[in-house]
N, C-alpha and C. Protein backbone atom coordinates (compact mmCIF):
# COMPACT_ATOMS: atom_id res chain seq x y z
N MET A 1 -19.46 74.20 18.28
CA MET A 1 -19.68 73.49 17.05
C MET A 1 -19.72 74.48 15.90
N LYS A 2 -19.16 74.08 14.82
CA LYS A 2 -19.08 74.93 13.65
C LYS A 2 -20.38 74.84 12.85
N ASN A 3 -20.88 75.94 12.42
CA ASN A 3 -22.12 75.97 11.66
C ASN A 3 -21.75 76.04 10.17
N THR A 4 -21.84 74.89 9.49
CA THR A 4 -21.53 74.85 8.06
C THR A 4 -22.71 74.28 7.30
N ASN A 5 -22.79 74.65 6.08
CA ASN A 5 -23.84 74.14 5.21
C ASN A 5 -23.27 72.94 4.45
N GLU A 6 -23.68 71.73 4.83
CA GLU A 6 -23.13 70.51 4.24
C GLU A 6 -23.64 70.29 2.82
N ASN A 7 -24.76 70.87 2.47
CA ASN A 7 -25.34 70.67 1.15
C ASN A 7 -24.83 71.66 0.12
N ALA A 8 -23.98 72.58 0.52
CA ALA A 8 -23.48 73.59 -0.40
C ALA A 8 -22.52 72.93 -1.40
N PRO A 9 -22.61 73.29 -2.67
CA PRO A 9 -21.70 72.70 -3.67
C PRO A 9 -20.27 73.17 -3.44
N LEU A 10 -19.34 72.29 -3.75
CA LEU A 10 -17.93 72.65 -3.59
C LEU A 10 -17.46 73.46 -4.80
N ASN A 11 -16.71 74.46 -4.53
CA ASN A 11 -16.12 75.26 -5.59
C ASN A 11 -14.62 74.99 -5.58
N LEU A 12 -14.22 73.93 -6.26
CA LEU A 12 -12.81 73.55 -6.26
C LEU A 12 -11.99 74.32 -7.27
N SER A 13 -12.63 74.88 -8.25
CA SER A 13 -11.87 75.54 -9.32
C SER A 13 -11.12 76.77 -8.82
N SER A 14 -11.59 77.39 -7.78
CA SER A 14 -10.91 78.60 -7.32
C SER A 14 -9.67 78.28 -6.50
N SER A 15 -9.64 77.13 -5.83
CA SER A 15 -8.52 76.85 -4.95
C SER A 15 -7.54 75.82 -5.53
N LEU A 16 -7.90 75.18 -6.64
CA LEU A 16 -7.02 74.18 -7.22
C LEU A 16 -6.50 74.63 -8.58
N GLN A 17 -5.34 74.15 -8.89
CA GLN A 17 -4.76 74.47 -10.18
C GLN A 17 -5.37 73.55 -11.24
N GLU A 18 -5.17 73.94 -12.49
CA GLU A 18 -5.72 73.17 -13.61
C GLU A 18 -5.15 71.75 -13.63
N ALA A 19 -3.87 71.60 -13.34
CA ALA A 19 -3.24 70.27 -13.35
C ALA A 19 -3.85 69.37 -12.27
N GLN A 20 -4.16 69.94 -11.13
CA GLN A 20 -4.77 69.15 -10.06
C GLN A 20 -6.17 68.69 -10.45
N LEU A 21 -6.92 69.55 -11.11
CA LEU A 21 -8.26 69.17 -11.56
C LEU A 21 -8.19 68.07 -12.61
N MET A 22 -7.23 68.19 -13.54
CA MET A 22 -7.07 67.15 -14.55
C MET A 22 -6.69 65.82 -13.90
N TYR A 23 -5.81 65.88 -12.92
CA TYR A 23 -5.40 64.67 -12.21
C TYR A 23 -6.59 64.03 -11.49
N MET A 24 -7.41 64.85 -10.86
CA MET A 24 -8.60 64.33 -10.16
C MET A 24 -9.55 63.65 -11.15
N LYS A 25 -9.75 64.26 -12.30
CA LYS A 25 -10.64 63.67 -13.32
C LYS A 25 -10.07 62.36 -13.84
N ARG A 26 -8.74 62.30 -14.04
CA ARG A 26 -8.12 61.07 -14.52
C ARG A 26 -8.27 59.95 -13.49
N ILE A 27 -8.04 60.26 -12.23
CA ILE A 27 -8.17 59.27 -11.16
C ILE A 27 -9.62 58.80 -11.06
N GLU A 28 -10.56 59.73 -11.18
CA GLU A 28 -11.98 59.37 -11.13
C GLU A 28 -12.34 58.44 -12.29
N LYS A 29 -11.82 58.73 -13.47
CA LYS A 29 -12.09 57.88 -14.64
C LYS A 29 -11.50 56.48 -14.44
N GLU A 30 -10.26 56.40 -13.96
CA GLU A 30 -9.63 55.10 -13.70
C GLU A 30 -10.39 54.32 -12.64
N ASN A 31 -10.86 55.00 -11.62
CA ASN A 31 -11.63 54.33 -10.57
C ASN A 31 -12.94 53.79 -11.13
N LEU A 32 -13.59 54.55 -11.99
CA LEU A 32 -14.84 54.09 -12.61
C LEU A 32 -14.59 52.86 -13.47
N GLU A 33 -13.50 52.86 -14.24
CA GLU A 33 -13.15 51.69 -15.05
C GLU A 33 -12.87 50.48 -14.16
N ARG A 34 -12.19 50.69 -13.04
CA ARG A 34 -11.89 49.60 -12.10
C ARG A 34 -13.18 49.03 -11.52
N VAL A 35 -14.10 49.89 -11.16
CA VAL A 35 -15.38 49.45 -10.61
C VAL A 35 -16.15 48.64 -11.64
N MET A 36 -16.14 49.08 -12.88
CA MET A 36 -16.86 48.35 -13.94
C MET A 36 -16.23 46.97 -14.16
N ARG A 37 -14.90 46.89 -14.12
CA ARG A 37 -14.23 45.59 -14.26
C ARG A 37 -14.61 44.67 -13.10
N LEU A 38 -14.63 45.21 -11.89
CA LEU A 38 -14.97 44.39 -10.72
C LEU A 38 -16.42 43.92 -10.77
N LYS A 39 -17.32 44.77 -11.27
CA LYS A 39 -18.72 44.36 -11.41
C LYS A 39 -18.85 43.22 -12.41
N LYS A 40 -18.10 43.30 -13.51
CA LYS A 40 -18.14 42.23 -14.51
C LYS A 40 -17.59 40.93 -13.93
N ILE A 41 -16.49 41.02 -13.20
CA ILE A 41 -15.91 39.83 -12.58
C ILE A 41 -16.88 39.24 -11.57
N ARG A 42 -17.51 40.08 -10.77
CA ARG A 42 -18.47 39.60 -9.77
C ARG A 42 -19.64 38.90 -10.44
N ARG A 43 -20.15 39.48 -11.53
CA ARG A 43 -21.27 38.87 -12.26
C ARG A 43 -20.87 37.50 -12.81
N ASN A 44 -19.67 37.44 -13.41
CA ASN A 44 -19.20 36.17 -13.94
C ASN A 44 -19.01 35.13 -12.83
N ASN A 45 -18.52 35.55 -11.68
CA ASN A 45 -18.35 34.62 -10.56
C ASN A 45 -19.69 34.11 -10.05
N ILE A 46 -20.69 34.96 -10.02
CA ILE A 46 -22.03 34.53 -9.57
C ILE A 46 -22.61 33.52 -10.56
N ILE A 47 -22.46 33.79 -11.85
CA ILE A 47 -22.97 32.85 -12.86
C ILE A 47 -22.26 31.51 -12.74
N THR A 48 -20.94 31.54 -12.57
CA THR A 48 -20.17 30.30 -12.42
C THR A 48 -20.60 29.56 -11.16
N GLY A 49 -20.81 30.27 -10.07
CA GLY A 49 -21.25 29.64 -8.83
C GLY A 49 -22.59 28.95 -8.97
N PHE A 50 -23.54 29.63 -9.61
CA PHE A 50 -24.85 29.00 -9.82
C PHE A 50 -24.73 27.79 -10.74
N GLY A 51 -23.88 27.88 -11.75
CA GLY A 51 -23.67 26.74 -12.65
C GLY A 51 -23.09 25.54 -11.91
N LEU A 52 -22.07 25.79 -11.10
CA LEU A 52 -21.47 24.70 -10.32
C LEU A 52 -22.46 24.12 -9.32
N ALA A 53 -23.22 24.98 -8.66
CA ALA A 53 -24.22 24.50 -7.71
C ALA A 53 -25.27 23.64 -8.42
N GLY A 54 -25.66 24.03 -9.62
CA GLY A 54 -26.62 23.24 -10.39
C GLY A 54 -26.07 21.87 -10.75
N VAL A 55 -24.80 21.83 -11.15
CA VAL A 55 -24.18 20.54 -11.49
C VAL A 55 -24.10 19.65 -10.25
N VAL A 56 -23.70 20.21 -9.13
CA VAL A 56 -23.60 19.44 -7.89
C VAL A 56 -24.97 18.94 -7.47
N LEU A 57 -25.96 19.79 -7.49
CA LEU A 57 -27.32 19.40 -7.10
C LEU A 57 -27.87 18.34 -8.06
N GLY A 58 -27.64 18.52 -9.34
CA GLY A 58 -28.09 17.53 -10.32
C GLY A 58 -27.44 16.18 -10.11
N THR A 59 -26.14 16.18 -9.85
CA THR A 59 -25.43 14.92 -9.60
C THR A 59 -25.95 14.25 -8.34
N TYR A 60 -26.17 15.04 -7.30
CA TYR A 60 -26.69 14.49 -6.05
C TYR A 60 -28.08 13.89 -6.25
N LEU A 61 -28.96 14.62 -6.89
CA LEU A 61 -30.32 14.11 -7.11
C LEU A 61 -30.32 12.88 -8.02
N TYR A 62 -29.47 12.88 -9.03
CA TYR A 62 -29.38 11.72 -9.91
C TYR A 62 -28.90 10.49 -9.14
N SER A 63 -27.90 10.67 -8.28
CA SER A 63 -27.39 9.52 -7.53
C SER A 63 -28.43 9.01 -6.54
N ILE A 64 -29.19 9.89 -5.90
CA ILE A 64 -30.25 9.47 -4.99
C ILE A 64 -31.32 8.72 -5.77
N PHE A 65 -31.72 9.22 -6.92
CA PHE A 65 -32.74 8.57 -7.74
C PHE A 65 -32.27 7.20 -8.21
N THR A 66 -31.01 7.10 -8.59
CA THR A 66 -30.46 5.83 -9.07
C THR A 66 -30.38 4.80 -7.96
N VAL A 67 -29.98 5.20 -6.78
CA VAL A 67 -29.87 4.27 -5.65
C VAL A 67 -31.26 3.77 -5.26
N LYS A 68 -32.27 4.60 -5.34
CA LYS A 68 -33.63 4.16 -5.00
C LYS A 68 -34.11 3.08 -5.95
N GLN A 69 -33.65 3.08 -7.19
CA GLN A 69 -34.12 2.11 -8.17
C GLN A 69 -33.38 0.79 -8.08
N GLU A 70 -32.26 0.77 -7.37
CA GLU A 70 -31.50 -0.47 -7.29
C GLU A 70 -32.25 -1.47 -6.41
N ASN A 71 -32.41 -2.66 -6.92
CA ASN A 71 -33.08 -3.70 -6.15
C ASN A 71 -32.28 -5.00 -6.15
N PHE A 72 -31.00 -4.94 -6.53
CA PHE A 72 -30.20 -6.16 -6.55
C PHE A 72 -29.97 -6.69 -5.14
N LEU A 73 -29.94 -5.81 -4.14
CA LEU A 73 -29.78 -6.29 -2.76
C LEU A 73 -31.03 -7.05 -2.32
N ASP A 74 -32.19 -6.58 -2.75
CA ASP A 74 -33.43 -7.29 -2.42
C ASP A 74 -33.43 -8.67 -3.05
N GLU A 75 -32.92 -8.79 -4.26
CA GLU A 75 -32.87 -10.09 -4.93
C GLU A 75 -31.91 -11.03 -4.22
N LEU A 76 -30.81 -10.50 -3.70
CA LEU A 76 -29.86 -11.34 -2.97
C LEU A 76 -30.50 -11.84 -1.68
N ASP A 77 -31.24 -10.98 -1.00
CA ASP A 77 -31.91 -11.40 0.23
C ASP A 77 -32.95 -12.48 -0.07
N ASP A 78 -33.66 -12.37 -1.17
CA ASP A 78 -34.67 -13.35 -1.53
C ASP A 78 -34.04 -14.71 -1.84
N THR A 79 -32.89 -14.72 -2.49
CA THR A 79 -32.24 -15.99 -2.82
C THR A 79 -31.66 -16.65 -1.58
N GLU A 80 -31.22 -15.88 -0.60
CA GLU A 80 -30.70 -16.46 0.63
C GLU A 80 -31.82 -17.09 1.46
N LYS A 81 -32.99 -16.51 1.44
CA LYS A 81 -34.13 -17.03 2.20
C LYS A 81 -34.65 -18.32 1.57
N SER A 82 -34.49 -18.50 0.30
CA SER A 82 -35.03 -19.68 -0.40
C SER A 82 -34.22 -20.92 -0.14
């Protein structure tokens, strides 16, 4: 097994050319921008999901509450018995 120090800082400047370092920084910047866009999209999707779930739950509860208040079937049963 090789004995290496994993916590040692990397010294890339000695083995890489200036153009390679600039390219790495550009790619890192683009990746950071992509991650920020994805976080924003994810946040917006979560907000939309909660909004839709609220509308669905509200509609469901409203329909259950409305059906409980209906008593026209009871009135029909009373008139048939009379």
